[in-house]
C-alpha atoms as a PDB file:
ATOM      1  CA  UNK A   1      -7.932  -6.209   7.341  1.00  0.00           C
ATOM      2  CA  UNK A   2      -9.557  -2.860   6.641  1.00  0.00           C
ATOM      3  CA  UNK A   3     -12.795  -2.749   4.679  1.00  0.00           C
ATOM      4  CA  UNK A   4     -11.929  -4.270   1.293  1.00  0.00           C
ATOM      5  CA  UNK A   5     -14.435  -2.226  -0.713  1.00  0.00           C
ATOM      6  CA  UNK A   6     -13.130   1.043   0.744  1.00  0.00           C
ATOM      7  CA  UNK A   7      -9.543  -0.014   0.113  1.00  0.00           C
ATOM      8  CA  UNK A   8     -10.223  -0.961  -3.507  1.00  0.00           C
ATOM      9  CA  UNK A   9     -12.160   2.256  -4.164  1.00  0.00           C
ATOM     10  CA  UNK A  10      -9.257   4.316  -2.810  1.00  0.00           C
ATOM     11  CA  UNK A  11      -6.685   2.381  -4.819  1.00  0.00           C
ATOM     12  CA  UNK A  12      -8.698   2.552  -8.035  1.00  0.00           C
ATOM     13  CA  UNK A  13      -8.452   6.342  -8.093  1.00  0.00           C
ATOM     14  CA  UNK A  14      -5.086   6.556  -6.387  1.00  0.00           C
ATOM     15  CA  UNK A  15      -3.325   9.479  -8.020  1.00  0.00           C
ATOM     16  CA  UNK A  16      -0.660  11.011  -5.847  1.00  0.00           C
ATOM     17  CA  UNK A  17      -1.495   9.316  -2.529  1.00  0.00           C
ATOM     18  CA  UNK A  18      -0.192   6.308  -0.625  1.00  0.00           C
ATOM     19  CA  UNK A  19      -2.356   4.748   2.093  1.00  0.00           C
ATOM     20  CA  UNK A  20      -0.871   2.652   4.905  1.00  0.00           C
ATOM     21  CA  UNK A  21      -3.257   0.850   7.269  1.00  0.00           C
ATOM     22  CA  UNK A  22      -2.753  -0.556  10.751  1.00  0.00           C
ATOM     23  CA  UNK A  23      -4.457  -3.918  10.899  1.00  0.00           C
ATOM     24  CA  UNK A  24      -5.887  -5.934  13.796  1.00  0.00           C
ATOM     25  CA  UNK A  25      -2.573  -7.770  14.194  1.00  0.00           C
ATOM     26  CA  UNK A  26      -0.907  -4.426  15.077  1.00  0.00           C
ATOM     27  CA  UNK A  27       1.190  -4.368  11.897  1.00  0.00           C
ATOM     28  CA  UNK A  28       1.112  -1.733   9.162  1.00  0.00           C
ATOM     29  CA  UNK A  29       0.286  -2.674   5.556  1.00  0.00           C
ATOM     30  CA  UNK A  30      -0.002  -0.951   2.203  1.00  0.00           C
ATOM     31  CA  UNK A  31      -2.078  -2.537  -0.561  1.00  0.00           C
ATOM     32  CA  UNK A  32      -2.230  -2.464  -4.338  1.00  0.00           C
ATOM     33  CA  UNK A  33      -0.828   0.730  -5.910  1.00  0.00           C
ATOM     34  CA  UNK A  34       0.027   2.184  -2.507  1.00  0.00           C
ATOM     35  CA  UNK A  35       2.240  -0.832  -1.804  1.00  0.00           C
ATOM     36  CA  UNK A  36       3.940  -0.579  -5.177  1.00  0.00           C
ATOM     37  CA  UNK A  37       4.645   3.149  -4.995  1.00  0.00           C
ATOM     38  CA  UNK A  38       5.790   2.918  -1.389  1.00  0.00           C
ATOM     39  CA  UNK A  39       8.264   0.235  -2.482  1.00  0.00           C
ATOM     40  CA  UNK A  40       9.777   2.854  -4.784  1.00  0.00           C
ATOM     41  CA  UNK A  41      10.325   5.136  -1.760  1.00  0.00           C
ATOM     42  CA  UNK A  42      11.348   2.681   0.983  1.00  0.00           C
ATOM     43  CA  UNK A  43      14.367   0.552   0.212  1.00  0.00           C
ATOM     44  CA  UNK A  44      13.920  -3.127   1.018  1.00  0.00           C
ATOM     45  CA  UNK A  45      10.106  -3.058   1.167  1.00  0.00           C
ATOM     46  CA  UNK A  46       8.918  -6.468  -0.039  1.00  0.00           C
ATOM     47  CA  UNK A  47       5.793  -6.734  -2.161  1.00  0.00           C
ATOM     48  CA  UNK A  48       3.723  -9.875  -2.125  1.00  0.00           C
ATOM     49  CA  UNK A  49       0.233 -11.253  -2.477  1.00  0.00           C
ATOM     50  CA  UNK A  50      -2.496 -11.248   0.128  1.00  0.00           C
ATOM     51  CA  UNK A  51      -5.072 -13.922  -0.667  1.00  0.00           C
ATOM     52  CA  UNK A  52      -8.654 -13.565   0.538  1.00  0.00           C
ATOM     53  CA  UNK A  53     -11.286 -16.294   0.490  1.00  0.00           C
ATOM     54  CA  UNK A  54      -9.102 -18.396  -1.865  1.00  0.00           C
ATOM     55  CA  UNK A  55     -10.348 -16.352  -4.810  1.00  0.00           C
ATOM     56  CA  UNK A  56      -9.217 -12.731  -4.527  1.00  0.00           C
ATOM     57  CA  UNK A  57      -5.637 -11.633  -4.115  1.00  0.00           C
ATOM     58  CA  UNK A  58      -4.295  -8.179  -3.493  1.00  0.00           C
ATOM     59  CA  UNK A  59      -0.784  -6.812  -3.752  1.00  0.00           C
ATOM     60  CA  UNK A  60       0.407  -6.122  -0.213  1.00  0.00           C
ATOM     61  CA  UNK A  61       3.511  -4.991   1.661  1.00  0.00           C
ATOM     62  CA  UNK A  62       4.162  -5.037   5.382  1.00  0.00           C
ATOM     63  CA  UNK A  63       5.515  -1.621   6.360  1.00  0.00           C
ATOM     64  CA  UNK A  64       7.926  -0.640   9.119  1.00  0.00           C
ATOM     65  CA  UNK A  65       6.358   2.734   9.817  1.00  0.00           C
ATOM     66  CA  UNK A  66       9.697   4.023  11.185  1.00  0.00           C
ATOM     67  CA  UNK A  67      11.163   3.733   7.676  1.00  0.00           C
ATOM     68  CA  UNK A  68       8.508   5.874   6.002  1.00  0.00           C
ATOM     69  CA  UNK A  69      10.034   9.179   4.858  1.00  0.00           C
ATOM     70  CA  UNK A  70       8.383  11.809   7.067  1.00  0.00           C
ATOM     71  CA  UNK A  71       8.680  14.519   4.418  1.00  0.00           C
ATOM     72  CA  UNK A  72       5.988  12.716   2.390  1.00  0.00           C
ATOM     73  CA  UNK A  73       3.474  12.257   5.238  1.00  0.00           C
ATOM     74  CA  UNK A  74       0.304  14.321   4.752  1.00  0.00           C
ATOM     75  CA  UNK A  75      -1.652  12.951   7.706  1.00  0.00           C
ATOM     76  CA  UNK A  76      -1.541  10.126  10.210  1.00  0.00           C
ATOM     77  CA  UNK A  77      -3.461   8.575  13.052  1.00  0.00           C
ATOM     78  CA  UNK A  78      -3.225   5.414  15.129  1.00  0.00           C
ATOM     79  CA  UNK A  79      -4.882   3.479  12.252  1.00  0.00           C
ATOM     80  CA  UNK A  80      -3.721   5.121   9.015  1.00  0.00           C
ATOM     81  CA  UNK A  81      -0.951   7.078   7.336  1.00  0.00           C
ATOM     82  CA  UNK A  82      -1.455   9.043   4.118  1.00  0.00           C
ATOM     83  CA  UNK A  83       1.565  10.045   2.053  1.00  0.00           C
ATOM     84  CA  UNK A  84       1.984  11.987  -1.153  1.00  0.00           C
ATOM     85  CA  UNK A  85       4.104  10.829  -4.064  1.00  0.00           C
ATOM     86  CA  UNK A  86       4.810  11.798  -7.639  1.00  0.00           C
ATOM     87  CA  UNK A  87       2.767   9.482  -9.852  1.00  0.00           C
ATOM     88  CA  UNK A  88       4.680   7.331 -12.323  1.00  0.00           C
ATOM     89  CA  UNK A  89       4.016   4.202 -14.317  1.00  0.00           C
ATOM     90  CA  UNK A  90       4.940   0.668 -13.456  1.00  0.00           C
ATOM     91  CA  UNK A  91       2.238  -0.781 -11.197  1.00  0.00           C
ATOM     92  CA  UNK A  92       0.292  -2.605 -13.914  1.00  0.00           C
ATOM     93  CA  UNK A  93       3.498  -3.943 -15.453  1.00  0.00           C
ATOM     94  CA  UNK A  94       4.570  -5.240 -12.036  1.00  0.00           C
ATOM     95  CA  UNK A  95       1.178  -6.933 -11.554  1.00  0.00           C
ATOM     96  CA  UNK A  96       1.479  -8.674 -14.918  1.00  0.00           C
ATOM     97  CA  UNK A  97       4.886 -10.058 -13.929  1.00  0.00           C
ATOM     98  CA  UNK A  98       3.755 -11.715 -10.675  1.00  0.00           C
ATOM     99  CA  UNK A  99       0.656 -13.508 -11.964  1.00  0.00           C
END
C-alpha cells in the first residue's frame, strides 16, 4: 500500500481531485473520499473496508483502470492516476452507514 500518511493527508484536503494508486500487487485502488467519489463516476465500483494492523480501517475500492472516464483524467503515470470531479456531499454520510 502507498504511504498511509501521504494518502490520508491528500484525502483530508481532497476538494475536486480523485487519486488512484497502483499497489505492489499490481492492482489499482482508490481510498477514502477518492474511492467514494469515483464510485459516483464508475458504475459497479464496489466500496469496502481496508483494515490495517487490526486497528485502522480505510474506505477502499479496487479500480479497473480501463473503466475510468478519460475525460476526467488530469495526469497519470505507471503508479498513479489523478482525476478531477465536481465536489458534492455524501462521503461522511456513507461512512456513518458502514460502521
